[in-house]
Amino acid sequence: QVQLVESGGGSVQAGGSLTLSCVASGMTFRINAMGWYRQAPGHQRELVARASDGGTLELADAVKGRFTISRDKVKNTVTLQMNSLKPEDAAVYYCNAQYWMTGSDFWGQGTQVMVSS
């Protein structure tokens, strides 16, 4: 099992920046990927960015050029740097960790990001 704790959400004006951080604990040696999802009211949870074993980085089209994801496998952390934020980026952001062998997903408690226009 893996426990995920997020930090860094908050409120910012459009065009501003926020950094989200997530630290994993527990059976972290089995983690194959860590990333961030978001869910806005009335919308499904969607992938924002993911960093997988082997160095693969994925970014949703909506955030390419504005968001950056980085993962530290030694420290068991994943960080999402969000720049040029838009009102449509406002959502609850969830940290995610995956075990590929078992198909398991682990989730953080979520952190709110608010962007005012």
PDB file of N, CA and C in Angstrom:
ATOM      1  N   GLN A   1       0.839  -1.188   0.000  1.00  0.00           N
ATOM      2  CA  GLN A   1       0.000   0.000   0.000  1.00  0.00           C
ATOM      3  C   GLN A   1       0.874   1.238   0.000  1.00  0.00           C
ATOM      4  N   VAL A   2       0.297   2.286  -0.526  1.00  0.00           N
ATOM      5  CA  VAL A   2       1.003   3.570  -0.623  1.00  0.00           C
ATOM      6  C   VAL A   2       0.114   4.667  -0.065  1.00  0.00           C
ATOM      7  N   GLN A   3       0.694   5.551   0.688  1.00  0.00           N
ATOM      8  CA  GLN A   3      -0.011   6.733   1.171  1.00  0.00           C
ATOM      9  C   GLN A   3       0.592   7.958   0.471  1.00  0.00           C
ATOM     10  N   LEU A   4      -0.292   8.852   0.047  1.00  0.00           N
ATOM     11  CA  LEU A   4       0.126  10.047  -0.685  1.00  0.00           C
ATOM     12  C   LEU A   4      -0.370  11.284   0.049  1.00  0.00           C
ATOM     13  N   VAL A   5       0.521  12.243   0.222  1.00  0.00           N
ATOM     14  CA  VAL A   5       0.158  13.495   0.878  1.00  0.00           C
ATOM     15  C   VAL A   5       0.533  14.646  -0.038  1.00  0.00           C
ATOM     16  N   GLU A   6      -0.459  15.457  -0.368  1.00  0.00           N
ATOM     17  CA  GLU A   6      -0.259  16.585  -1.282  1.00  0.00           C
ATOM     18  C   GLU A   6      -0.121  17.882  -0.499  1.00  0.00           C
ATOM     19  N   SER A   7       0.500  18.835  -1.146  1.00  0.00           N
ATOM     20  CA  SER A   7       0.573  20.189  -0.600  1.00  0.00           C
ATOM     21  C   SER A   7       0.735  21.170  -1.747  1.00  0.00           C
ATOM     22  N   GLY A   8       0.403  22.429  -1.468  1.00  0.00           N
ATOM     23  CA  GLY A   8       0.703  23.470  -2.440  1.00  0.00           C
ATOM     24  C   GLY A   8      -0.473  24.075  -3.158  1.00  0.00           C
ATOM     25  N   GLY A   9      -1.674  23.598  -2.927  1.00  0.00           N
ATOM     26  CA  GLY A   9      -2.816  24.210  -3.587  1.00  0.00           C
ATOM     27  C   GLY A   9      -3.072  25.604  -3.040  1.00  0.00           C
ATOM     28  N   GLY A  10      -4.028  26.295  -3.644  1.00  0.00           N
ATOM     29  CA  GLY A  10      -4.364  27.623  -3.177  1.00  0.00           C
ATOM     30  C   GLY A  10      -5.080  28.419  -4.235  1.00  0.00           C
ATOM     31  N   SER A  11      -5.092  29.710  -4.035  1.00  0.00           N
ATOM     32  CA  SER A  11      -5.797  30.617  -4.926  1.00  0.00           C
ATOM     33  C   SER A  11      -4.811  31.549  -5.597  1.00  0.00           C
ATOM     34  N   VAL A  12      -5.009  31.792  -6.877  1.00  0.00           N
ATOM     35  CA  VAL A  12      -4.102  32.642  -7.641  1.00  0.00           C
ATOM     36  C   VAL A  12      -4.888  33.344  -8.730  1.00  0.00           C
ATOM     37  N   GLN A  13      -4.394  34.466  -9.163  1.00  0.00           N
ATOM     38  CA  GLN A  13      -5.018  35.154 -10.292  1.00  0.00           C
ATOM     39  C   GLN A  13      -4.571  34.517 -11.603  1.00  0.00           C
ATOM     40  N   ALA A  14      -5.390  34.684 -12.606  1.00  0.00           N
ATOM     41  CA  ALA A  14      -5.049  34.171 -13.927  1.00  0.00           C
ATOM     42  C   ALA A  14      -3.692  34.716 -14.355  1.00  0.00           C
ATOM     43  N   GLY A  15      -2.884  33.829 -14.921  1.00  0.00           N
ATOM     44  CA  GLY A  15      -1.532  34.198 -15.309  1.00  0.00           C
ATOM     45  C   GLY A  15      -0.495  33.882 -14.251  1.00  0.00           C
ATOM     46  N   GLY A  16      -0.951  33.560 -13.069  1.00  0.00           N
ATOM     47  CA  GLY A  16      -0.054  33.262 -11.974  1.00  0.00           C
ATOM     48  C   GLY A  16       0.445  31.829 -11.989  1.00  0.00           C
ATOM     49  N   SER A  17       1.188  31.486 -10.948  1.00  0.00           N
ATOM     50  CA  SER A  17       1.810  30.166 -10.850  1.00  0.00           C
ATOM     51  C   SER A  17       1.559  29.537  -9.490  1.00  0.00           C
ATOM     52  N   LEU A  18       1.518  28.225  -9.474  1.00  0.00           N
ATOM     53  CA  LEU A  18       1.442  27.438  -8.247  1.00  0.00           C
ATOM     54  C   LEU A  18       2.289  26.189  -8.435  1.00  0.00           C
ATOM     55  N   THR A  19       2.777  25.678  -7.325  1.00  0.00           N
ATOM     56  CA  THR A  19       3.510  24.426  -7.352  1.00  0.00           C
ATOM     57  C   THR A  19       2.829  23.436  -6.422  1.00  0.00           C
ATOM     58  N   LEU A  20       2.489  22.271  -6.951  1.00  0.00           N
ATOM     59  CA  LEU A  20       1.906  21.197  -6.166  1.00  0.00           C
ATOM     60  C   LEU A  20       2.970  20.142  -5.915  1.00  0.00           C
ATOM     61  N   SER A  21       3.010  19.672  -4.688  1.00  0.00           N
ATOM     62  CA  SER A  21       3.960  18.630  -4.327  1.00  0.00           C
ATOM     63  C   SER A  21       3.231  17.456  -3.702  1.00  0.00           C
ATOM     64  N   CYS A  22       3.788  16.275  -3.893  1.00  0.00           N
ATOM     65  CA  CYS A  22       3.197  15.063  -3.342  1.00  0.00           C
ATOM     66  C   CYS A  22       4.329  14.150  -2.886  1.00  0.00           C
ATOM     67  N   VAL A  23       4.190  13.621  -1.701  1.00  0.00           N
ATOM     68  CA  VAL A  23       5.187  12.679  -1.195  1.00  0.00           C
ATOM     69  C   VAL A  23       4.498  11.359  -0.889  1.00  0.00           C
ATOM     70  N   ALA A  24       5.129  10.287  -1.304  1.00  0.00           N
ATOM     71  CA  ALA A  24       4.599   8.942  -1.100  1.00  0.00           C
ATOM     72  C   ALA A  24       5.329   8.256   0.040  1.00  0.00           C
ATOM     73  N   SER A  25       4.578   7.428   0.767  1.00  0.00           N
ATOM     74  CA  SER A  25       5.165   6.608   1.822  1.00  0.00           C
ATOM     75  C   SER A  25       4.538   5.226   1.752  1.00  0.00           C
ATOM     76  N   GLY A  26       5.142   4.279   2.445  1.00  0.00           N
ATOM     77  CA  GLY A  26       4.659   2.902   2.402  1.00  0.00           C
ATOM     78  C   GLY A  26       5.505   2.073   1.454  1.00  0.00           C
ATOM     79  N   MET A  27       4.850   1.246   0.665  1.00  0.00           N
ATOM     80  CA  MET A  27       5.567   0.344  -0.250  1.00  0.00           C
ATOM     81  C   MET A  27       5.901   1.064  -1.542  1.00  0.00           C
ATOM     82  N   THR A  28       6.732   2.072  -1.406  1.00  0.00           N
ATOM     83  CA  THR A  28       7.027   2.946  -2.545  1.00  0.00           C
ATOM     84  C   THR A  28       7.904   2.272  -3.591  1.00  0.00           C
ATOM     85  N   PHE A  29       8.608   1.205  -3.215  1.00  0.00           N
ATOM     86  CA  PHE A  29       9.523   0.567  -4.165  1.00  0.00           C
ATOM     87  C   PHE A  29       8.763  -0.071  -5.320  1.00  0.00           C
ATOM     88  N   ARG A  30       7.452  -0.292  -5.155  1.00  0.00           N
ATOM     89  CA  ARG A  30       6.661  -0.918  -6.208  1.00  0.00           C
ATOM     90  C   ARG A  30       6.010   0.106  -7.141  1.00  0.00           C
ATOM     91  N   ILE A  31       6.174   1.383  -6.848  1.00  0.00           N
ATOM     92  CA  ILE A  31       5.536   2.419  -7.674  1.00  0.00           C
ATOM     93  C   ILE A  31       6.207   2.490  -9.044  1.00  0.00           C
ATOM     94  N   ASN A  32       5.404   2.468 -10.089  1.00  0.00           N
ATOM     95  CA  ASN A  32       5.900   2.568 -11.454  1.00  0.00           C
ATOM     96  C   ASN A  32       5.634   3.934 -12.078  1.00  0.00           C
ATOM     97  N   ALA A  33       4.677   4.644 -11.548  1.00  0.00           N
ATOM     98  CA  ALA A  33       4.356   5.963 -12.099  1.00  0.00           C
ATOM     99  C   ALA A  33       3.714   6.813 -11.015  1.00  0.00           C
ATOM    100  N   MET A  34       3.969   8.090 -11.088  1.00  0.00           N
ATOM    101  CA  MET A  34       3.304   9.060 -10.227  1.00  0.00           C
ATOM    102  C   MET A  34       2.857  10.229 -11.079  1.00  0.00           C
ATOM    103  N   GLY A  35       1.731  10.788 -10.692  1.00  0.00           N
ATOM    104  CA  GLY A  35       1.225  11.892 -11.494  1.00  0.00           C
ATOM    105  C   GLY A  35       0.136  12.664 -10.805  1.00  0.00           C
ATOM    106  N   TRP A  36      -0.506  13.502 -11.599  1.00  0.00           N
ATOM    107  CA  TRP A  36      -1.561  14.379 -11.089  1.00  0.00           C
ATOM    108  C   TRP A  36      -2.788  14.284 -11.980  1.00  0.00           C
ATOM    109  N   TYR A  37      -3.926  14.204 -11.332  1.00  0.00           N
ATOM    110  CA  TYR A  37      -5.211  14.278 -11.988  1.00  0.00           C
ATOM    111  C   TYR A  37      -5.953  15.474 -11.408  1.00  0.00           C
ATOM    112  N   ARG A  38      -6.988  15.911 -12.097  1.00  0.00           N
ATOM    113  CA  ARG A  38      -7.817  16.981 -11.560  1.00  0.00           C
ATOM    114  C   ARG A  38      -9.289  16.712 -11.856  1.00  0.00           C
ATOM    115  N   GLN A  39     -10.109  17.281 -11.006  1.00  0.00           N
ATOM    116  CA  GLN A  39     -11.559  17.149 -11.190  1.00  0.00           C
ATOM    117  C   GLN A  39     -12.224  18.462 -10.838  1.00  0.00           C
ATOM    118  N   ALA A  40     -12.876  19.031 -11.837  1.00  0.00           N
ATOM    119  CA  ALA A  40     -13.646  20.251 -11.639  1.00  0.00           C
ATOM    120  C   ALA A  40     -15.106  19.880 -11.409  1.00  0.00           C
ATOM    121  N   PRO A  41     -15.868  20.738 -10.772  1.00  0.00           N
ATOM    122  CA  PRO A  41     -17.287  20.438 -10.516  1.00  0.00           C
ATOM    123  C   PRO A  41     -18.028  20.100 -11.806  1.00  0.00           C
ATOM    124  N   GLY A  42     -18.750  19.001 -11.785  1.00  0.00           N
ATOM    125  CA  GLY A  42     -19.513  18.598 -12.949  1.00  0.00           C
ATOM    126  C   GLY A  42     -18.705  17.923 -14.033  1.00  0.00           C
ATOM    127  N   HIS A  43     -17.448  17.690 -13.779  1.00  0.00           N
ATOM    128  CA  HIS A  43     -16.580  17.047 -14.761  1.00  0.00           C
ATOM    129  C   HIS A  43     -15.979  15.771 -14.197  1.00  0.00           C
ATOM    130  N   GLN A  44     -15.549  14.895 -15.099  1.00  0.00           N
ATOM    131  CA  GLN A  44     -14.860  13.685 -14.671  1.00  0.00           C
ATOM    132  C   GLN A  44     -13.419  14.000 -14.299  1.00  0.00           C
ATOM    133  N   ARG A  45     -12.868  13.140 -13.482  1.00  0.00           N
ATOM    134  CA  ARG A  45     -11.460  13.276 -13.157  1.00  0.00           C
ATOM    135  C   ARG A  45     -10.636  13.017 -14.413  1.00  0.00           C
ATOM    136  N   GLU A  46      -9.633  13.856 -14.642  1.00  0.00           N
ATOM    137  CA  GLU A  46      -8.824  13.730 -15.847  1.00  0.00           C
ATOM    138  C   GLU A  46      -7.342  13.787 -15.529  1.00  0.00           C
ATOM    139  N   LEU A  47      -6.567  13.121 -16.345  1.00  0.00           N
ATOM    140  CA  LEU A  47      -5.124  13.133 -16.191  1.00  0.00           C
ATOM    141  C   LEU A  47      -4.581  14.497 -16.586  1.00  0.00           C
ATOM    142  N   VAL A  48      -3.722  15.037 -15.732  1.00  0.00           N
ATOM    143  CA  VAL A  48      -3.036  16.282 -16.030  1.00  0.00           C
ATOM    144  C   VAL A  48      -1.614  16.005 -16.487  1.00  0.00           C
ATOM    145  N   ALA A  49      -0.907  15.203 -15.694  1.00  0.00           N
ATOM    146  CA  ALA A  49       0.491  14.903 -16.017  1.00  0.00           C
ATOM    147  C   ALA A  49       0.900  13.645 -15.283  1.00  0.00           C
ATOM    148  N   ARG A  50       1.841  12.904 -15.888  1.00  0.00           N
ATOM    149  CA  ARG A  50       2.301  11.671 -15.261  1.00  0.00           C
ATOM    150  C   ARG A  50       3.764  11.445 -15.626  1.00  0.00           C
ATOM    151  N   ALA A  51       4.516  10.962 -14.647  1.00  0.00           N
ATOM    152  CA  ALA A  51       5.921  10.614 -14.847  1.00  0.00           C
ATOM    153  C   ALA A  51       6.079   9.132 -14.540  1.00  0.00           C
ATOM    154  N   SER A  52       6.502   8.367 -15.540  1.00  0.00           N
ATOM    155  CA  SER A  52       6.556   6.909 -15.414  1.00  0.00           C
ATOM    156  C   SER A  52       7.995   6.404 -15.405  1.00  0.00           C
ATOM    157  N   ASP A  53       8.151   5.188 -14.904  1.00  0.00           N
ATOM    158  CA  ASP A  53       9.470   4.554 -14.946  1.00  0.00           C
ATOM    159  C   ASP A  53       9.983   4.544 -16.386  1.00  0.00           C
ATOM    160  N   GLY A  54      11.275   4.727 -16.519  1.00  0.00           N
ATOM    161  CA  GLY A  54      11.861   4.801 -17.847  1.00  0.00           C
ATOM    162  C   GLY A  54      11.966   6.219 -18.357  1.00  0.00           C
ATOM    163  N   GLY A  55      11.443   7.151 -17.571  1.00  0.00           N
ATOM    164  CA  GLY A  55      11.580   8.550 -17.935  1.00  0.00           C
ATOM    165  C   GLY A  55      10.467   9.127 -18.778  1.00  0.00           C
ATOM    166  N   THR A  56       9.420   8.361 -18.997  1.00  0.00           N
ATOM    167  CA  THR A  56       8.323   8.867 -19.818  1.00  0.00           C
ATOM    168  C   THR A  56       7.533   9.926 -19.069  1.00  0.00           C
ATOM    169  N   LEU A  57       7.326  11.058 -19.705  1.00  0.00           N
ATOM    170  CA  LEU A  57       6.519  12.140 -19.148  1.00  0.00           C
ATOM    171  C   LEU A  57       5.320  12.370 -20.059  1.00  0.00           C
ATOM    172  N   GLU A  58       4.143  12.451 -19.439  1.00  0.00           N
ATOM    173  CA  GLU A  58       2.922  12.720 -20.186  1.00  0.00           C
ATOM    174  C   GLU A  58       2.296  14.004 -19.668  1.00  0.00           C
ATOM    175  N   LEU A  59       1.806  14.808 -20.573  1.00  0.00           N
ATOM    176  CA  LEU A  59       1.093  16.033 -20.209  1.00  0.00           C
ATOM    177  C   LEU A  59      -0.178  16.116 -21.041  1.00  0.00           C
ATOM    178  N   ALA A  60      -1.268  16.477 -20.395  1.00  0.00           N
ATOM    179  CA  ALA A  60      -2.508  16.695 -21.127  1.00  0.00           C
ATOM    180  C   ALA A  60      -2.323  17.854 -22.099  1.00  0.00           C
ATOM    181  N   ASP A  61      -2.984  17.768 -23.229  1.00  0.00           N
ATOM    182  CA  ASP A  61      -2.845  18.821 -24.242  1.00  0.00           C
ATOM    183  C   ASP A  61      -3.180  20.201 -23.673  1.00  0.00           C
ATOM    184  N   ALA A  62      -4.161  20.231 -22.767  1.00  0.00           N
ATOM    185  CA  ALA A  62      -4.616  21.517 -22.227  1.00  0.00           C
ATOM    186  C   ALA A  62      -3.559  22.234 -21.402  1.00  0.00           C
ATOM    187  N   VAL A  63      -2.547  21.507 -20.943  1.00  0.00           N
ATOM    188  CA  VAL A  63      -1.552  22.122 -20.060  1.00  0.00           C
ATOM    189  C   VAL A  63      -0.155  22.147 -20.666  1.00  0.00           C
ATOM    190  N   LYS A  64       0.016  21.580 -21.842  1.00  0.00           N
ATOM    191  CA  LYS A  64       1.330  21.570 -22.473  1.00  0.00           C
ATOM    192  C   LYS A  64       1.830  22.996 -22.687  1.00  0.00           C
ATOM    193  N   GLY A  65       3.098  23.191 -22.374  1.00  0.00           N
ATOM    194  CA  GLY A  65       3.687  24.511 -22.494  1.00  0.00           C
ATOM    195  C   GLY A  65       3.497  25.386 -21.268  1.00  0.00           C
ATOM    196  N   ARG A  66       2.647  24.938 -20.339  1.00  0.00           N
ATOM    197  CA  ARG A  66       2.393  25.730 -19.137  1.00  0.00           C
ATOM    198  C   ARG A  66       2.747  24.976 -17.857  1.00  0.00           C
ATOM    199  N   PHE A  67       2.525  23.669 -17.848  1.00  0.00           N
ATOM    200  CA  PHE A  67       2.781  22.848 -16.669  1.00  0.00           C
ATOM    201  C   PHE A  67       3.991  21.964 -16.909  1.00  0.00           C
ATOM    202  N   THR A  68       4.691  21.676 -15.826  1.00  0.00           N
ATOM    203  CA  THR A  68       5.834  20.776 -15.872  1.00  0.00           C
ATOM    204  C   THR A  68       5.727  19.796 -14.716  1.00  0.00           C
ATOM    205  N   ILE A  69       6.015  18.531 -15.000  1.00  0.00           N
ATOM    206  CA  ILE A  69       6.004  17.517 -13.949  1.00  0.00           C
ATOM    207  C   ILE A  69       7.414  16.995 -13.756  1.00  0.00           C
ATOM    208  N   SER A  70       7.744  16.745 -12.502  1.00  0.00           N
ATOM    209  CA  SER A  70       9.026  16.138 -12.195  1.00  0.00           C
ATOM    210  C   SER A  70       8.827  15.125 -11.073  1.00  0.00           C
ATOM    211  N   ARG A  71       9.625  14.089 -11.125  1.00  0.00           N
ATOM    212  CA  ARG A  71       9.517  12.999 -10.147  1.00  0.00           C
ATOM    213  C   ARG A  71      10.896  12.663  -9.615  1.00  0.00           C
ATOM    214  N   ASP A  72      10.969  12.481  -8.319  1.00  0.00           N
ATOM    215  CA  ASP A  72      12.204  12.078  -7.659  1.00  0.00           C
ATOM    216  C   ASP A  72      11.969  10.712  -7.043  1.00  0.00           C
ATOM    217  N   LYS A  73      12.528   9.672  -7.652  1.00  0.00           N
ATOM    218  CA  LYS A  73      12.282   8.314  -7.177  1.00  0.00           C
ATOM    219  C   LYS A  73      12.992   8.031  -5.865  1.00  0.00           C
ATOM    220  N   VAL A  74      14.047   8.746  -5.591  1.00  0.00           N
ATOM    221  CA  VAL A  74      14.756   8.547  -4.327  1.00  0.00           C
ATOM    222  C   VAL A  74      13.942   9.131  -3.171  1.00  0.00           C
ATOM    223  N   LYS A  75      13.411  10.314  -3.379  1.00  0.00           N
ATOM    224  CA  LYS A  75      12.629  10.985  -2.334  1.00  0.00           C
ATOM    225  C   LYS A  75      11.155  10.598  -2.389  1.00  0.00           C
ATOM    226  N   ASN A  76      10.758   9.852  -3.419  1.00  0.00           N
ATOM    227  CA  ASN A  76       9.361   9.441  -3.580  1.00  0.00           C
ATOM    228  C   ASN A  76       8.418  10.638  -3.653  1.00  0.00           C
ATOM    229  N   THR A  77       8.804  11.594  -4.453  1.00  0.00           N
ATOM    230  CA  THR A  77       7.991  12.794  -4.616  1.00  0.00           C
ATOM    231  C   THR A  77       7.668  13.036  -6.089  1.00  0.00           C
ATOM    232  N   VAL A  78       6.579  13.738  -6.305  1.00  0.00           N
ATOM    233  CA  VAL A  78       6.234  14.225  -7.633  1.00  0.00           C
ATOM    234  C   VAL A  78       5.751  15.659  -7.476  1.00  0.00           C
ATOM    235  N   THR A  79       6.217  16.503  -8.383  1.00  0.00           N
ATOM    236  CA  THR A  79       5.927  17.926  -8.304  1.00  0.00           C
ATOM    237  C   THR A  79       5.315  18.401  -9.615  1.00  0.00           C
ATOM    238  N   LEU A  80       4.297  19.226  -9.491  1.00  0.00           N
ATOM    239  CA  LEU A  80       3.660  19.805 -10.669  1.00  0.00           C
ATOM    240  C   LEU A  80       3.837  21.317 -10.592  1.00  0.00           C
ATOM    241  N   GLN A  81       4.613  21.851 -11.502  1.00  0.00           N
ATOM    242  CA  GLN A  81       4.793  23.292 -11.596  1.00  0.00           C
ATOM    243  C   GLN A  81       3.788  23.820 -12.600  1.00  0.00           C
ATOM    244  N   MET A  82       2.918  24.695 -12.139  1.00  0.00           N
ATOM    245  CA  MET A  82       1.840  25.212 -12.973  1.00  0.00           C
ATOM    246  C   MET A  82       2.059  26.696 -13.207  1.00  0.00           C
ATOM    247  N   ASN A  83       2.285  27.062 -14.435  1.00  0.00           N
ATOM    248  CA  ASN A  83       2.489  28.462 -14.826  1.00  0.00           C
ATOM    249  C   ASN A  83       1.369  28.919 -15.744  1.00  0.00           C
ATOM    250  N   SER A  84       1.248  30.219 -15.875  1.00  0.00           N
ATOM    251  CA  SER A  84       0.231  30.803 -16.767  1.00  0.00           C
ATOM    252  C   SER A  84      -1.135  30.188 -16.524  1.00  0.00           C
ATOM    253  N   LEU A  85      -1.517  30.112 -15.274  1.00  0.00           N
ATOM    254  CA  LEU A  85      -2.768  29.473 -14.912  1.00  0.00           C
ATOM    255  C   LEU A  85      -3.967  30.209 -15.495  1.00  0.00           C
ATOM    256  N   LYS A  86      -4.962  29.428 -15.864  1.00  0.00           N
ATOM    257  CA  LYS A  86      -6.194  29.944 -16.445  1.00  0.00           C
ATOM    258  C   LYS A  86      -7.361  29.575 -15.540  1.00  0.00           C
ATOM    259  N   PRO A  87      -8.450  30.310 -15.614  1.00  0.00           N
ATOM    260  CA  PRO A  87      -9.619  29.962 -14.798  1.00  0.00           C
ATOM    261  C   PRO A  87     -10.063  28.518 -15.013  1.00  0.00           C
ATOM    262  N   GLU A  88      -9.902  28.001 -16.221  1.00  0.00           N
ATOM    263  CA  GLU A  88     -10.319  26.623 -16.480  1.00  0.00           C
ATOM    264  C   GLU A  88      -9.399  25.584 -15.859  1.00  0.00           C
ATOM    265  N   ASP A  89      -8.297  26.007 -15.274  1.00  0.00           N
ATOM    266  CA  ASP A  89      -7.433  25.079 -14.537  1.00  0.00           C
ATOM    267  C   ASP A  89      -7.932  24.857 -13.113  1.00  0.00           C
ATOM    268  N   ALA A  90      -8.882  25.641 -12.681  1.00  0.00           N
ATOM    269  CA  ALA A  90      -9.401  25.499 -11.324  1.00  0.00           C
ATOM    270  C   ALA A  90     -10.058  24.138 -11.142  1.00  0.00           C
ATOM    271  N   ALA A  91      -9.661  23.442 -10.098  1.00  0.00           N
ATOM    272  CA  ALA A  91     -10.162  22.090  -9.838  1.00  0.00           C
ATOM    273  C   ALA A  91      -9.558  21.592  -8.532  1.00  0.00           C
ATOM    274  N   VAL A  92     -10.008  20.431  -8.115  1.00  0.00           N
ATOM    275  CA  VAL A  92      -9.306  19.703  -7.069  1.00  0.00           C
ATOM    276  C   VAL A  92      -8.266  18.820  -7.772  1.00  0.00           C
ATOM    277  N   TYR A  93      -7.033  18.949  -7.363  1.00  0.00           N
ATOM    278  CA  TYR A  93      -5.938  18.186  -7.952  1.00  0.00           C
ATOM    279  C   TYR A  93      -5.569  17.028  -7.028  1.00  0.00           C
ATOM    280  N   TYR A  94      -5.459  15.850  -7.630  1.00  0.00           N
ATOM    281  CA  TYR A  94      -5.178  14.631  -6.876  1.00  0.00           C
ATOM    282  C   TYR A  94      -3.850  14.030  -7.316  1.00  0.00           C
ATOM    283  N   CYS A  95      -3.046  13.697  -6.349  1.00  0.00           N
ATOM    284  CA  CYS A  95      -1.825  12.958  -6.616  1.00  0.00           C
ATOM    285  C   CYS A  95      -2.187  11.472  -6.812  1.00  0.00           C
ATOM    286  N   ASN A  96      -1.492  10.831  -7.715  1.00  0.00           N
ATOM    287  CA  ASN A  96      -1.767   9.427  -8.043  1.00  0.00           C
ATOM    288  C   ASN A  96      -0.461   8.657  -8.136  1.00  0.00           C
ATOM    289  N   ALA A  97      -0.494   7.433  -7.652  1.00  0.00           N
ATOM    290  CA  ALA A  97       0.638   6.509  -7.820  1.00  0.00           C
ATOM    291  C   ALA A  97       0.103   5.186  -8.348  1.00  0.00           C
ATOM    292  N   GLN A  98       0.889   4.549  -9.177  1.00  0.00           N
ATOM    293  CA  GLN A  98       0.427   3.314  -9.821  1.00  0.00           C
ATOM    294  C   GLN A  98       1.421   2.181  -9.641  1.00  0.00           C
ATOM    295  N   TYR A  99       0.865   0.986  -9.411  1.00  0.00           N
ATOM    296  CA  TYR A  99       1.611  -0.267  -9.500  1.00  0.00           C
ATOM    297  C   TYR A  99       1.165  -0.923 -10.812  1.00  0.00           C
ATOM    298  N   TRP A 100       2.058  -1.071 -11.751  1.00  0.00           N
ATOM    299  CA  TRP A 100       1.655  -1.673 -13.013  1.00  0.00           C
ATOM    300  C   TRP A 100       1.373  -3.164 -12.887  1.00  0.00           C
ATOM    301  N   MET A 101       2.143  -3.858 -12.071  1.00  0.00           N
ATOM    302  CA  MET A 101       2.005  -5.309 -11.999  1.00  0.00           C
ATOM    303  C   MET A 101       0.613  -5.716 -11.526  1.00  0.00           C
ATOM    304  N   THR A 102       0.063  -4.982 -10.602  1.00  0.00           N
ATOM    305  CA  THR A 102      -1.246  -5.318 -10.051  1.00  0.00           C
ATOM    306  C   THR A 102      -2.348  -4.420 -10.587  1.00  0.00           C
ATOM    307  N   GLY A 103      -1.988  -3.405 -11.340  1.00  0.00           N
ATOM    308  CA  GLY A 103      -3.001  -2.467 -11.825  1.00  0.00           C
ATOM    309  C   GLY A 103      -3.595  -1.609 -10.738  1.00  0.00           C
ATOM    310  N   SER A 104      -2.852  -1.419  -9.657  1.00  0.00           N
ATOM    311  CA  SER A 104      -3.373  -0.675  -8.509  1.00  0.00           C
ATOM    312  C   SER A 104      -3.126   0.820  -8.668  1.00  0.00           C
ATOM    313  N   ASP A 105      -4.112   1.576  -8.231  1.00  0.00           N
ATOM    314  CA  ASP A 105      -4.010   3.031  -8.186  1.00  0.00           C
ATOM    315  C   ASP A 105      -4.169   3.496  -6.743  1.00  0.00           C
ATOM    316  N   PHE A 106      -3.351   4.448  -6.356  1.00  0.00           N
ATOM    317  CA  PHE A 106      -3.440   5.052  -5.033  1.00  0.00           C
ATOM    318  C   PHE A 106      -3.632   6.552  -5.216  1.00  0.00           C
ATOM    319  N   TRP A 107      -4.420   7.136  -4.299  1.00  0.00           N
ATOM    320  CA  TRP A 107      -4.792   8.538  -4.445  1.00  0.00           C
ATOM    321  C   TRP A 107      -4.517   9.330  -3.176  1.00  0.00           C
ATOM    322  N   GLY A 108      -4.132  10.581  -3.375  1.00  0.00           N
ATOM    323  CA  GLY A 108      -4.059  11.500  -2.265  1.00  0.00           C
ATOM    324  C   GLY A 108      -5.440  12.051  -1.948  1.00  0.00           C
ATOM    325  N   GLN A 109      -5.495  12.905  -0.964  1.00  0.00           N
ATOM    326  CA  GLN A 109      -6.780  13.428  -0.509  1.00  0.00           C
ATOM    327  C   GLN A 109      -7.291  14.574  -1.381  1.00  0.00           C
ATOM    328  N   GLY A 110      -6.433  15.111  -2.209  1.00  0.00           N
ATOM    329  CA  GLY A 110      -6.813  16.208  -3.096  1.00  0.00           C
ATOM    330  C   GLY A 110      -6.447  17.558  -2.514  1.00  0.00           C
ATOM    331  N   THR A 111      -6.092  18.468  -3.392  1.00  0.00           N
ATOM    332  CA  THR A 111      -5.789  19.836  -2.985  1.00  0.00           C
ATOM    333  C   THR A 111      -6.462  20.788  -3.966  1.00  0.00           C
ATOM    334  N   GLN A 112      -7.085  21.821  -3.422  1.00  0.00           N
ATOM    335  CA  GLN A 112      -7.880  22.732  -4.235  1.00  0.00           C
ATOM    336  C   GLN A 112      -7.002  23.782  -4.910  1.00  0.00           C
ATOM    337  N   VAL A 113      -7.246  23.985  -6.188  1.00  0.00           N
ATOM    338  CA  VAL A 113      -6.604  25.075  -6.930  1.00  0.00           C
ATOM    339  C   VAL A 113      -7.709  25.986  -7.450  1.00  0.00           C
ATOM    340  N   MET A 114      -7.612  27.248  -7.119  1.00  0.00           N
ATOM    341  CA  MET A 114      -8.605  28.233  -7.567  1.00  0.00           C
ATOM    342  C   MET A 114      -7.888  29.301  -8.381  1.00  0.00           C
ATOM    343  N   VAL A 115      -8.469  29.660  -9.509  1.00  0.00           N
ATOM    344  CA  VAL A 115      -7.863  30.653 -10.391  1.00  0.00           C
ATOM    345  C   VAL A 115      -8.922  31.702 -10.725  1.00  0.00           C
ATOM    346  N   SER A 116      -8.654  32.914 -10.329  1.00  0.00           N
ATOM    347  CA  SER A 116      -9.614  34.003 -10.580  1.00  0.00           C
ATOM    348  C   SER A 116      -9.205  34.782 -11.823  1.00  0.00           C
ATOM    349  N   SER A 117     -10.216  35.227 -12.533  1.00  0.00           N
ATOM    350  CA  SER A 117      -9.942  35.960 -13.779  1.00  0.00           C
ATOM    351  C   SER A 117      -9.803  37.445 -13.525  1.00  0.00           C
TER     352      SER A 117
END
